[in-house]
Each structure stands twice: as structure tokens, then as C-alpha cells.
Amino acid sequence: AFTSLHLGIAPWAMFIGWVAYFTRPIS
């Protein structure tokens, strides 16, 4: 989240990828 903010990316948008990853956290 801190990295997102400092790259000018909304942290909520980063969490979309986080949540998506954990729909199938295999590899």
C-alpha cells in the first residue's frame, strides 16, 4: 500500500490484485 501510494497508484487498486491472487493462491 505504501509503495502504491508513492508510485501515484491508488492503494485500493493494488488490493484488487491482492484479493484476486487469493482466489487461487497456488503458485
mmCIF file of all heavy atoms, coordinates in Angstrom:
data_MODEL
# 
_entry.id   MODEL 
# 
loop_
_atom_site.group_PDB 
_atom_site.id 
_atom_site.type_symbol 
_atom_site.label_atom_id 
_atom_site.label_alt_id 
_atom_site.label_comp_id 
_atom_site.label_asym_id 
_atom_site.label_entity_id 
_atom_site.label_seq_id 
_atom_site.pdbx_PDB_ins_code 
_atom_site.Cartn_x 
_atom_site.Cartn_y 
_atom_site.Cartn_z 
_atom_site.occupancy 
_atom_site.B_iso_or_equiv 
_atom_site.pdbx_formal_charge 
_atom_site.auth_seq_id 
_atom_site.auth_comp_id 
_atom_site.auth_asym_id 
_atom_site.auth_atom_id 
_atom_site.pdbx_PDB_model_num 
ATOM 1   N N   . ALA A 1 1  ? 0.832   -1.207  0.000   1.00 0.00 ? 1  ALA A N   1 
ATOM 2   C CA  . ALA A 1 1  ? 0.000   0.000   0.000   1.00 0.00 ? 1  ALA A CA  1 
ATOM 3   C C   . ALA A 1 1  ? 0.866   1.256   0.000   1.00 0.00 ? 1  ALA A C   1 
ATOM 4   O O   . ALA A 1 1  ? 0.597   2.208   -0.734  1.00 0.00 ? 1  ALA A O   1 
ATOM 5   C CB  . ALA A 1 1  ? -0.942  -0.005  1.210   1.00 0.00 ? 1  ALA A CB  1 
ATOM 6   N N   . PHE A 1 2  ? 1.918   1.247   0.812   1.00 0.00 ? 2  PHE A N   1 
ATOM 7   C CA  . PHE A 1 2  ? 2.845   2.377   0.877   1.00 0.00 ? 2  PHE A CA  1 
ATOM 8   C C   . PHE A 1 2  ? 3.525   2.583   -0.479  1.00 0.00 ? 2  PHE A C   1 
ATOM 9   O O   . PHE A 1 2  ? 3.633   3.712   -0.973  1.00 0.00 ? 2  PHE A O   1 
ATOM 10  C CB  . PHE A 1 2  ? 3.886   2.121   1.979   1.00 0.00 ? 2  PHE A CB  1 
ATOM 11  C CG  . PHE A 1 2  ? 4.875   3.227   2.159   1.00 0.00 ? 2  PHE A CG  1 
ATOM 12  C CD1 . PHE A 1 2  ? 4.546   4.363   2.895   1.00 0.00 ? 2  PHE A CD1 1 
ATOM 13  C CD2 . PHE A 1 2  ? 6.143   3.136   1.615   1.00 0.00 ? 2  PHE A CD2 1 
ATOM 14  C CE1 . PHE A 1 2  ? 5.467   5.380   3.074   1.00 0.00 ? 2  PHE A CE1 1 
ATOM 15  C CE2 . PHE A 1 2  ? 7.069   4.156   1.785   1.00 0.00 ? 2  PHE A CE2 1 
ATOM 16  C CZ  . PHE A 1 2  ? 6.736   5.280   2.521   1.00 0.00 ? 2  PHE A CZ  1 
ATOM 17  N N   . THR A 1 3  ? 3.948   1.477   -1.081  1.00 0.00 ? 3  THR A N   1 
ATOM 18  C CA  . THR A 1 3  ? 4.580   1.546   -2.404  1.00 0.00 ? 3  THR A CA  1 
ATOM 19  C C   . THR A 1 3  ? 3.610   2.100   -3.438  1.00 0.00 ? 3  THR A C   1 
ATOM 20  O O   . THR A 1 3  ? 3.971   2.961   -4.245  1.00 0.00 ? 3  THR A O   1 
ATOM 21  C CB  . THR A 1 3  ? 5.087   0.152   -2.822  1.00 0.00 ? 3  THR A CB  1 
ATOM 22  O OG1 . THR A 1 3  ? 6.011   -0.324  -1.831  1.00 0.00 ? 3  THR A OG1 1 
ATOM 23  C CG2 . THR A 1 3  ? 5.758   0.184   -4.180  1.00 0.00 ? 3  THR A CG2 1 
ATOM 24  N N   . SER A 1 4  ? 2.377   1.610   -3.413  1.00 0.00 ? 4  SER A N   1 
ATOM 25  C CA  . SER A 1 4  ? 1.348   2.110   -4.341  1.00 0.00 ? 4  SER A CA  1 
ATOM 26  C C   . SER A 1 4  ? 1.199   3.618   -4.228  1.00 0.00 ? 4  SER A C   1 
ATOM 27  O O   . SER A 1 4  ? 1.202   4.327   -5.232  1.00 0.00 ? 4  SER A O   1 
ATOM 28  C CB  . SER A 1 4  ? -0.007  1.472   -4.044  1.00 0.00 ? 4  SER A CB  1 
ATOM 29  O OG  . SER A 1 4  ? -0.011  0.130   -4.329  1.00 0.00 ? 4  SER A OG  1 
ATOM 30  N N   . LEU A 1 5  ? 1.036   4.059   -2.999  1.00 0.00 ? 5  LEU A N   1 
ATOM 31  C CA  . LEU A 1 5  ? 0.825   5.484   -2.760  1.00 0.00 ? 5  LEU A CA  1 
ATOM 32  C C   . LEU A 1 5  ? 1.981   6.308   -3.313  1.00 0.00 ? 5  LEU A C   1 
ATOM 33  O O   . LEU A 1 5  ? 1.766   7.327   -3.969  1.00 0.00 ? 5  LEU A O   1 
ATOM 34  C CB  . LEU A 1 5  ? 0.649   5.735   -1.256  1.00 0.00 ? 5  LEU A CB  1 
ATOM 35  C CG  . LEU A 1 5  ? 0.248   7.134   -0.852  1.00 0.00 ? 5  LEU A CG  1 
ATOM 36  C CD1 . LEU A 1 5  ? -1.129  7.482   -1.392  1.00 0.00 ? 5  LEU A CD1 1 
ATOM 37  C CD2 . LEU A 1 5  ? 0.261   7.250   0.671   1.00 0.00 ? 5  LEU A CD2 1 
ATOM 38  N N   . HIS A 1 6  ? 3.215   5.840   -3.090  1.00 0.00 ? 6  HIS A N   1 
ATOM 39  C CA  . HIS A 1 6  ? 4.374   6.603   -3.543  1.00 0.00 ? 6  HIS A CA  1 
ATOM 40  C C   . HIS A 1 6  ? 4.662   6.455   -5.029  1.00 0.00 ? 6  HIS A C   1 
ATOM 41  O O   . HIS A 1 6  ? 5.434   7.234   -5.588  1.00 0.00 ? 6  HIS A O   1 
ATOM 42  C CB  . HIS A 1 6  ? 5.592   6.272   -2.678  1.00 0.00 ? 6  HIS A CB  1 
ATOM 43  C CG  . HIS A 1 6  ? 5.471   6.914   -1.336  1.00 0.00 ? 6  HIS A CG  1 
ATOM 44  N ND1 . HIS A 1 6  ? 5.739   8.245   -1.118  1.00 0.00 ? 6  HIS A ND1 1 
ATOM 45  C CD2 . HIS A 1 6  ? 5.038   6.426   -0.152  1.00 0.00 ? 6  HIS A CD2 1 
ATOM 46  C CE1 . HIS A 1 6  ? 5.489   8.543   0.144   1.00 0.00 ? 6  HIS A CE1 1 
ATOM 47  N NE2 . HIS A 1 6  ? 5.060   7.462   0.759   1.00 0.00 ? 6  HIS A NE2 1 
ATOM 48  N N   . LEU A 1 7  ? 4.009   5.504   -5.668  1.00 0.00 ? 7  LEU A N   1 
ATOM 49  C CA  . LEU A 1 7  ? 4.086   5.401   -7.134  1.00 0.00 ? 7  LEU A CA  1 
ATOM 50  C C   . LEU A 1 7  ? 2.950   6.166   -7.809  1.00 0.00 ? 7  LEU A C   1 
ATOM 51  O O   . LEU A 1 7  ? 2.847   6.187   -9.025  1.00 0.00 ? 7  LEU A O   1 
ATOM 52  C CB  . LEU A 1 7  ? 4.038   3.930   -7.563  1.00 0.00 ? 7  LEU A CB  1 
ATOM 53  C CG  . LEU A 1 7  ? 5.256   3.074   -7.239  1.00 0.00 ? 7  LEU A CG  1 
ATOM 54  C CD1 . LEU A 1 7  ? 4.995   1.615   -7.605  1.00 0.00 ? 7  LEU A CD1 1 
ATOM 55  C CD2 . LEU A 1 7  ? 6.490   3.598   -7.975  1.00 0.00 ? 7  LEU A CD2 1 
ATOM 56  N N   . GLY A 1 8  ? 2.088   6.759   -6.982  1.00 0.00 ? 8  GLY A N   1 
ATOM 57  C CA  . GLY A 1 8  ? 0.961   7.509   -7.521  1.00 0.00 ? 8  GLY A CA  1 
ATOM 58  C C   . GLY A 1 8  ? -0.208  6.624   -7.923  1.00 0.00 ? 8  GLY A C   1 
ATOM 59  O O   . GLY A 1 8  ? -1.048  7.027   -8.727  1.00 0.00 ? 8  GLY A O   1 
ATOM 60  N N   . ILE A 1 9  ? -0.244  5.422   -7.384  1.00 0.00 ? 9  ILE A N   1 
ATOM 61  C CA  . ILE A 1 9  ? -1.316  4.472   -7.681  1.00 0.00 ? 9  ILE A CA  1 
ATOM 62  C C   . ILE A 1 9  ? -2.197  4.359   -6.446  1.00 0.00 ? 9  ILE A C   1 
ATOM 63  O O   . ILE A 1 9  ? -1.691  4.247   -5.327  1.00 0.00 ? 9  ILE A O   1 
ATOM 64  C CB  . ILE A 1 9  ? -0.735  3.077   -8.012  1.00 0.00 ? 9  ILE A CB  1 
ATOM 65  C CG1 . ILE A 1 9  ? 0.202   3.161   -9.218  1.00 0.00 ? 9  ILE A CG1 1 
ATOM 66  C CG2 . ILE A 1 9  ? -1.832  2.061   -8.241  1.00 0.00 ? 9  ILE A CG2 1 
ATOM 67  C CD1 . ILE A 1 9  ? 1.016   1.899   -9.437  1.00 0.00 ? 9  ILE A CD1 1 
ATOM 68  N N   . ALA A 1 10 ? -3.486  4.378   -6.648  1.00 0.00 ? 10 ALA A N   1 
ATOM 69  C CA  . ALA A 1 10 ? -4.406  4.256   -5.521  1.00 0.00 ? 10 ALA A CA  1 
ATOM 70  C C   . ALA A 1 10 ? -4.220  2.898   -4.840  1.00 0.00 ? 10 ALA A C   1 
ATOM 71  O O   . ALA A 1 10 ? -4.294  1.861   -5.504  1.00 0.00 ? 10 ALA A O   1 
ATOM 72  C CB  . ALA A 1 10 ? -5.845  4.413   -5.987  1.00 0.00 ? 10 ALA A CB  1 
ATOM 73  N N   . PRO A 1 11 ? -3.975  2.895   -3.526  1.00 0.00 ? 11 PRO A N   1 
ATOM 74  C CA  . PRO A 1 11 ? -3.805  1.611   -2.825  1.00 0.00 ? 11 PRO A CA  1 
ATOM 75  C C   . PRO A 1 11 ? -4.994  0.668   -2.978  1.00 0.00 ? 11 PRO A C   1 
ATOM 76  O O   . PRO A 1 11 ? -4.816  -0.547  -3.036  1.00 0.00 ? 11 PRO A O   1 
ATOM 77  C CB  . PRO A 1 11 ? -3.594  2.025   -1.363  1.00 0.00 ? 11 PRO A CB  1 
ATOM 78  C CG  . PRO A 1 11 ? -2.979  3.387   -1.459  1.00 0.00 ? 11 PRO A CG  1 
ATOM 79  C CD  . PRO A 1 11 ? -3.670  4.029   -2.644  1.00 0.00 ? 11 PRO A CD  1 
ATOM 80  N N   . TRP A 1 12 ? -6.210  1.211   -3.078  1.00 0.00 ? 12 TRP A N   1 
ATOM 81  C CA  . TRP A 1 12 ? -7.364  0.317   -3.244  1.00 0.00 ? 12 TRP A CA  1 
ATOM 82  C C   . TRP A 1 12 ? -7.225  -0.511  -4.513  1.00 0.00 ? 12 TRP A C   1 
ATOM 83  O O   . TRP A 1 12 ? -7.647  -1.672  -4.564  1.00 0.00 ? 12 TRP A O   1 
ATOM 84  C CB  . TRP A 1 12 ? -8.690  1.086   -3.238  1.00 0.00 ? 12 TRP A CB  1 
ATOM 85  C CG  . TRP A 1 12 ? -8.925  1.949   -4.451  1.00 0.00 ? 12 TRP A CG  1 
ATOM 86  C CD1 . TRP A 1 12 ? -8.681  3.287   -4.563  1.00 0.00 ? 12 TRP A CD1 1 
ATOM 87  C CD2 . TRP A 1 12 ? -9.416  1.525   -5.724  1.00 0.00 ? 12 TRP A CD2 1 
ATOM 88  N NE1 . TRP A 1 12 ? -8.997  3.723   -5.828  1.00 0.00 ? 12 TRP A NE1 1 
ATOM 89  C CE2 . TRP A 1 12 ? -9.456  2.659   -6.563  1.00 0.00 ? 12 TRP A CE2 1 
ATOM 90  C CE3 . TRP A 1 12 ? -9.830  0.302   -6.242  1.00 0.00 ? 12 TRP A CE3 1 
ATOM 91  C CZ2 . TRP A 1 12 ? -9.879  2.603   -7.883  1.00 0.00 ? 12 TRP A CZ2 1 
ATOM 92  C CZ3 . TRP A 1 12 ? -10.261 0.252   -7.574  1.00 0.00 ? 12 TRP A CZ3 1 
ATOM 93  C CH2 . TRP A 1 12 ? -10.282 1.395   -8.366  1.00 0.00 ? 12 TRP A CH2 1 
ATOM 94  N N   . ALA A 1 13 ? -6.632  0.086   -5.556  1.00 0.00 ? 13 ALA A N   1 
ATOM 95  C CA  . ALA A 1 13 ? -6.467  -0.634  -6.824  1.00 0.00 ? 13 ALA A CA  1 
ATOM 96  C C   . ALA A 1 13 ? -5.445  -1.758  -6.676  1.00 0.00 ? 13 ALA A C   1 
ATOM 97  O O   . ALA A 1 13 ? -5.598  -2.828  -7.284  1.00 0.00 ? 13 ALA A O   1 
ATOM 98  C CB  . ALA A 1 13 ? -6.059  0.341   -7.926  1.00 0.00 ? 13 ALA A CB  1 
ATOM 99  N N   . MET A 1 14 ? -4.411  -1.542  -5.853  1.00 0.00 ? 14 MET A N   1 
ATOM 100 C CA  . MET A 1 14 ? -3.444  -2.598  -5.584  1.00 0.00 ? 14 MET A CA  1 
ATOM 101 C C   . MET A 1 14 ? -4.132  -3.774  -4.903  1.00 0.00 ? 14 MET A C   1 
ATOM 102 O O   . MET A 1 14 ? -3.868  -4.939  -5.203  1.00 0.00 ? 14 MET A O   1 
ATOM 103 C CB  . MET A 1 14 ? -2.302  -2.055  -4.707  1.00 0.00 ? 14 MET A CB  1 
ATOM 104 C CG  . MET A 1 14 ? -1.265  -3.082  -4.288  1.00 0.00 ? 14 MET A CG  1 
ATOM 105 S SD  . MET A 1 14 ? -1.668  -4.096  -2.837  1.00 0.00 ? 14 MET A SD  1 
ATOM 106 C CE  . MET A 1 14 ? -1.834  -2.892  -1.553  1.00 0.00 ? 14 MET A CE  1 
ATOM 107 N N   . PHE A 1 15 ? -5.062  -3.463  -3.982  1.00 0.00 ? 15 PHE A N   1 
ATOM 108 C CA  . PHE A 1 15 ? -5.737  -4.535  -3.254  1.00 0.00 ? 15 PHE A CA  1 
ATOM 109 C C   . PHE A 1 15 ? -6.652  -5.372  -4.147  1.00 0.00 ? 15 PHE A C   1 
ATOM 110 O O   . PHE A 1 15 ? -6.982  -6.500  -3.810  1.00 0.00 ? 15 PHE A O   1 
ATOM 111 C CB  . PHE A 1 15 ? -6.485  -3.991  -2.036  1.00 0.00 ? 15 PHE A CB  1 
ATOM 112 C CG  . PHE A 1 15 ? -5.575  -3.767  -0.865  1.00 0.00 ? 15 PHE A CG  1 
ATOM 113 C CD1 . PHE A 1 15 ? -5.279  -2.485  -0.439  1.00 0.00 ? 15 PHE A CD1 1 
ATOM 114 C CD2 . PHE A 1 15 ? -5.003  -4.842  -0.196  1.00 0.00 ? 15 PHE A CD2 1 
ATOM 115 C CE1 . PHE A 1 15 ? -4.432  -2.276  0.636   1.00 0.00 ? 15 PHE A CE1 1 
ATOM 116 C CE2 . PHE A 1 15 ? -4.149  -4.643  0.877   1.00 0.00 ? 15 PHE A CE2 1 
ATOM 117 C CZ  . PHE A 1 15 ? -3.866  -3.359  1.292   1.00 0.00 ? 15 PHE A CZ  1 
ATOM 118 N N   . ILE A 1 16 ? -7.039  -4.844  -5.307  1.00 0.00 ? 16 ILE A N   1 
ATOM 119 C CA  . ILE A 1 16 ? -7.787  -5.663  -6.275  1.00 0.00 ? 16 ILE A CA  1 
ATOM 120 C C   . ILE A 1 16 ? -6.920  -6.856  -6.688  1.00 0.00 ? 16 ILE A C   1 
ATOM 121 O O   . ILE A 1 16 ? -7.384  -8.003  -6.727  1.00 0.00 ? 16 ILE A O   1 
ATOM 122 C CB  . ILE A 1 16 ? -8.219  -4.832  -7.509  1.00 0.00 ? 16 ILE A CB  1 
ATOM 123 C CG1 . ILE A 1 16 ? -9.241  -3.765  -7.119  1.00 0.00 ? 16 ILE A CG1 1 
ATOM 124 C CG2 . ILE A 1 16 ? -8.722  -5.727  -8.627  1.00 0.00 ? 16 ILE A CG2 1 
ATOM 125 C CD1 . ILE A 1 16 ? -10.605 -4.282  -6.745  1.00 0.00 ? 16 ILE A CD1 1 
ATOM 126 N N   . GLY A 1 17 ? -5.655  -6.596  -6.992  1.00 0.00 ? 17 GLY A N   1 
ATOM 127 C CA  . GLY A 1 17 ? -4.733  -7.674  -7.355  1.00 0.00 ? 17 GLY A CA  1 
ATOM 128 C C   . GLY A 1 17 ? -4.483  -8.632  -6.206  1.00 0.00 ? 17 GLY A C   1 
ATOM 129 O O   . GLY A 1 17 ? -4.393  -9.851  -6.401  1.00 0.00 ? 17 GLY A O   1 
ATOM 130 N N   . TRP A 1 18 ? -4.375  -8.090  -4.993  1.00 0.00 ? 18 TRP A N   1 
ATOM 131 C CA  . TRP A 1 18 ? -4.172  -8.914  -3.788  1.00 0.00 ? 18 TRP A CA  1 
ATOM 132 C C   . TRP A 1 18 ? -5.344  -9.881  -3.614  1.00 0.00 ? 18 TRP A C   1 
ATOM 133 O O   . TRP A 1 18 ? -5.154  -11.081 -3.449  1.00 0.00 ? 18 TRP A O   1 
ATOM 134 C CB  . TRP A 1 18 ? -4.038  -7.985  -2.582  1.00 0.00 ? 18 TRP A CB  1 
ATOM 135 C CG  . TRP A 1 18 ? -3.948  -8.650  -1.245  1.00 0.00 ? 18 TRP A CG  1 
ATOM 136 C CD1 . TRP A 1 18 ? -4.961  -9.203  -0.530  1.00 0.00 ? 18 TRP A CD1 1 
ATOM 137 C CD2 . TRP A 1 18 ? -2.781  -8.814  -0.446  1.00 0.00 ? 18 TRP A CD2 1 
ATOM 138 N NE1 . TRP A 1 18 ? -4.496  -9.690  0.661   1.00 0.00 ? 18 TRP A NE1 1 
ATOM 139 C CE2 . TRP A 1 18 ? -3.160  -9.463  0.742   1.00 0.00 ? 18 TRP A CE2 1 
ATOM 140 C CE3 . TRP A 1 18 ? -1.450  -8.450  -0.624  1.00 0.00 ? 18 TRP A CE3 1 
ATOM 141 C CZ2 . TRP A 1 18 ? -2.262  -9.769  1.744   1.00 0.00 ? 18 TRP A CZ2 1 
ATOM 142 C CZ3 . TRP A 1 18 ? -0.556  -8.757  0.398   1.00 0.00 ? 18 TRP A CZ3 1 
ATOM 143 C CH2 . TRP A 1 18 ? -0.953  -9.404  1.557   1.00 0.00 ? 18 TRP A CH2 1 
ATOM 144 N N   . VAL A 1 19 ? -6.550  -9.350  -3.658  1.00 0.00 ? 19 VAL A N   1 
ATOM 145 C CA  . VAL A 1 19 ? -7.740  -10.184 -3.478  1.00 0.00 ? 19 VAL A CA  1 
ATOM 146 C C   . VAL A 1 19 ? -7.840  -11.199 -4.616  1.00 0.00 ? 19 VAL A C   1 
ATOM 147 O O   . VAL A 1 19 ? -8.139  -12.378 -4.383  1.00 0.00 ? 19 VAL A O   1 
ATOM 148 C CB  . VAL A 1 19 ? -9.012  -9.309  -3.389  1.00 0.00 ? 19 VAL A CB  1 
ATOM 149 C CG1 . VAL A 1 19 ? -10.272 -10.160 -3.439  1.00 0.00 ? 19 VAL A CG1 1 
ATOM 150 C CG2 . VAL A 1 19 ? -8.979  -8.467  -2.119  1.00 0.00 ? 19 VAL A CG2 1 
ATOM 151 N N   . ALA A 1 20 ? -7.579  -10.761 -5.843  1.00 0.00 ? 20 ALA A N   1 
ATOM 152 C CA  . ALA A 1 20 ? -7.640  -11.681 -6.988  1.00 0.00 ? 20 ALA A CA  1 
ATOM 153 C C   . ALA A 1 20 ? -6.650  -12.827 -6.797  1.00 0.00 ? 20 ALA A C   1 
ATOM 154 O O   . ALA A 1 20 ? -6.993  -13.990 -7.038  1.00 0.00 ? 20 ALA A O   1 
ATOM 155 C CB  . ALA A 1 20 ? -7.354  -10.931 -8.288  1.00 0.00 ? 20 ALA A CB  1 
ATOM 156 N N   . TYR A 1 21 ? -5.431  -12.523 -6.355  1.00 0.00 ? 21 TYR A N   1 
ATOM 157 C CA  . TYR A 1 21 ? -4.435  -13.579 -6.154  1.00 0.00 ? 21 TYR A CA  1 
ATOM 158 C C   . TYR A 1 21 ? -4.966  -14.644 -5.202  1.00 0.00 ? 21 TYR A C   1 
ATOM 159 O O   . TYR A 1 21 ? -4.812  -15.845 -5.448  1.00 0.00 ? 21 TYR A O   1 
ATOM 160 C CB  . TYR A 1 21 ? -3.111  -13.014 -5.622  1.00 0.00 ? 21 TYR A CB  1 
ATOM 161 C CG  . TYR A 1 21 ? -2.116  -14.122 -5.357  1.00 0.00 ? 21 TYR A CG  1 
ATOM 162 C CD1 . TYR A 1 21 ? -1.402  -14.680 -6.410  1.00 0.00 ? 21 TYR A CD1 1 
ATOM 163 C CD2 . TYR A 1 21 ? -1.950  -14.647 -4.087  1.00 0.00 ? 21 TYR A CD2 1 
ATOM 164 C CE1 . TYR A 1 21 ? -0.528  -15.732 -6.196  1.00 0.00 ? 21 TYR A CE1 1 
ATOM 165 C CE2 . TYR A 1 21 ? -1.075  -15.706 -3.860  1.00 0.00 ? 21 TYR A CE2 1 
ATOM 166 C CZ  . TYR A 1 21 ? -0.368  -16.240 -4.918  1.00 0.00 ? 21 TYR A CZ  1 
ATOM 167 O OH  . TYR A 1 21 ? 0.477   -17.301 -4.694  1.00 0.00 ? 21 TYR A OH  1 
ATOM 168 N N   . PHE A 1 22 ? -5.599  -14.227 -4.143  1.00 0.00 ? 22 PHE A N   1 
ATOM 169 C CA  . PHE A 1 22 ? -6.044  -15.186 -3.137  1.00 0.00 ? 22 PHE A CA  1 
ATOM 170 C C   . PHE A 1 22 ? -7.333  -15.924 -3.517  1.00 0.00 ? 22 PHE A C   1 
ATOM 171 O O   . PHE A 1 22 ? -7.811  -16.744 -2.750  1.00 0.00 ? 22 PHE A O   1 
ATOM 172 C CB  . PHE A 1 22 ? -6.146  -14.529 -1.762  1.00 0.00 ? 22 PHE A CB  1 
ATOM 173 C CG  . PHE A 1 22 ? -4.783  -14.377 -1.132  1.00 0.00 ? 22 PHE A CG  1 
ATOM 174 C CD1 . PHE A 1 22 ? -4.166  -13.141 -1.099  1.00 0.00 ? 22 PHE A CD1 1 
ATOM 175 C CD2 . PHE A 1 22 ? -4.120  -15.475 -0.625  1.00 0.00 ? 22 PHE A CD2 1 
ATOM 176 C CE1 . PHE A 1 22 ? -2.900  -13.009 -0.549  1.00 0.00 ? 22 PHE A CE1 1 
ATOM 177 C CE2 . PHE A 1 22 ? -2.856  -15.355 -0.080  1.00 0.00 ? 22 PHE A CE2 1 
ATOM 178 C CZ  . PHE A 1 22 ? -2.231  -14.121 -0.038  1.00 0.00 ? 22 PHE A CZ  1 
ATOM 179 N N   . THR A 1 23 ? -7.856  -15.670 -4.735  1.00 0.00 ? 23 THR A N   1 
ATOM 180 C CA  . THR A 1 23 ? -8.941  -16.522 -5.204  1.00 0.00 ? 23 THR A CA  1 
ATOM 181 C C   . THR A 1 23 ? -8.381  -17.878 -5.621  1.00 0.00 ? 23 THR A C   1 
ATOM 182 O O   . THR A 1 23 ? -9.119  -18.855 -5.672  1.00 0.00 ? 23 THR A O   1 
ATOM 183 C CB  . THR A 1 23 ? -9.717  -15.894 -6.387  1.00 0.00 ? 23 THR A CB  1 
ATOM 184 O OG1 . THR A 1 23 ? -8.833  -15.710 -7.494  1.00 0.00 ? 23 THR A OG1 1 
ATOM 185 C CG2 . THR A 1 23 ? -10.376 -14.592 -5.974  1.00 0.00 ? 23 THR A CG2 1 
ATOM 186 N N   . ARG A 1 24 ? -7.083  -17.916 -5.939  1.00 0.00 ? 24 ARG A N   1 
ATOM 187 C CA  . ARG A 1 24 ? -6.391  -19.169 -6.303  1.00 0.00 ? 24 ARG A CA  1 
ATOM 188 C C   . ARG A 1 24 ? -4.919  -19.082 -5.913  1.00 0.00 ? 24 ARG A C   1 
ATOM 189 O O   . ARG A 1 24 ? -4.047  -19.019 -6.777  1.00 0.00 ? 24 ARG A O   1 
ATOM 190 C CB  . ARG A 1 24 ? -6.465  -19.404 -7.805  1.00 0.00 ? 24 ARG A CB  1 
ATOM 191 C CG  . ARG A 1 24 ? -7.833  -19.718 -8.264  1.00 0.00 ? 24 ARG A CG  1 
ATOM 192 C CD  . ARG A 1 24 ? -7.772  -20.276 -9.652  1.00 0.00 ? 24 ARG A CD  1 
ATOM 193 N NE  . ARG A 1 24 ? -9.128  -20.534 -10.085 1.00 0.00 ? 24 ARG A NE  1 
ATOM 194 C CZ  . ARG A 1 24 ? -9.466  -20.617 -11.330 1.00 0.00 ? 24 ARG A CZ  1 
ATOM 195 N NH1 . ARG A 1 24 ? -8.578  -20.468 -12.273 1.00 0.00 ? 24 ARG A NH1 1 
ATOM 196 N NH2 . ARG A 1 24 ? -10.712 -20.861 -11.653 1.00 0.00 ? 24 ARG A NH2 1 
ATOM 197 N N   . PRO A 1 25 ? -4.616  -19.115 -4.645  1.00 0.00 ? 25 PRO A N   1 
ATOM 198 C CA  . PRO A 1 25 ? -3.214  -18.930 -4.214  1.00 0.00 ? 25 PRO A CA  1 
ATOM 199 C C   . PRO A 1 25 ? -2.373  -20.202 -4.339  1.00 0.00 ? 25 PRO A C   1 
ATOM 200 O O   . PRO A 1 25 ? -1.964  -20.790 -3.358  1.00 0.00 ? 25 PRO A O   1 
ATOM 201 C CB  . PRO A 1 25 ? -3.370  -18.516 -2.759  1.00 0.00 ? 25 PRO A CB  1 
ATOM 202 C CG  . PRO A 1 25 ? -4.607  -19.230 -2.314  1.00 0.00 ? 25 PRO A CG  1 
ATOM 203 C CD  . PRO A 1 25 ? -5.514  -19.220 -3.510  1.00 0.00 ? 25 PRO A CD  1 
ATOM 204 N N   . ILE A 1 26 ? -2.112  -20.615 -5.544  1.00 0.00 ? 26 ILE A N   1 
ATOM 205 C CA  . ILE A 1 26 ? -1.410  -21.877 -5.724  1.00 0.00 ? 26 ILE A CA  1 
ATOM 206 C C   . ILE A 1 26 ? 0.072   -21.667 -6.013  1.00 0.00 ? 26 ILE A C   1 
ATOM 207 O O   . ILE A 1 26 ? 0.921   -22.298 -5.415  1.00 0.00 ? 26 ILE A O   1 
ATOM 208 C CB  . ILE A 1 26 ? -2.073  -22.695 -6.857  1.00 0.00 ? 26 ILE A CB  1 
ATOM 209 C CG1 . ILE A 1 26 ? -3.522  -23.004 -6.474  1.00 0.00 ? 26 ILE A CG1 1 
ATOM 210 C CG2 . ILE A 1 26 ? -1.319  -23.970 -7.129  1.00 0.00 ? 26 ILE A CG2 1 
ATOM 211 C CD1 . ILE A 1 26 ? -4.361  -23.532 -7.599  1.00 0.00 ? 26 ILE A CD1 1 
ATOM 212 N N   . SER A 1 27 ? 0.372   -20.787 -6.940  1.00 0.00 ? 27 SER A N   1 
ATOM 213 C CA  . SER A 1 27 ? 1.752   -20.642 -7.394  1.00 0.00 ? 27 SER A CA  1 
ATOM 214 C C   . SER A 1 27 ? 1.938   -19.294 -8.070  1.00 0.00 ? 27 SER A C   1 
ATOM 215 O O   . SER A 1 27 ? 0.970   -18.589 -8.358  1.00 0.00 ? 27 SER A O   1 
ATOM 216 C CB  . SER A 1 27 ? 2.078   -21.749 -8.394  1.00 0.00 ? 27 SER A CB  1 
ATOM 217 O OG  . SER A 1 27 ? 1.295   -21.586 -9.568  1.00 0.00 ? 27 SER A OG  1 
# 
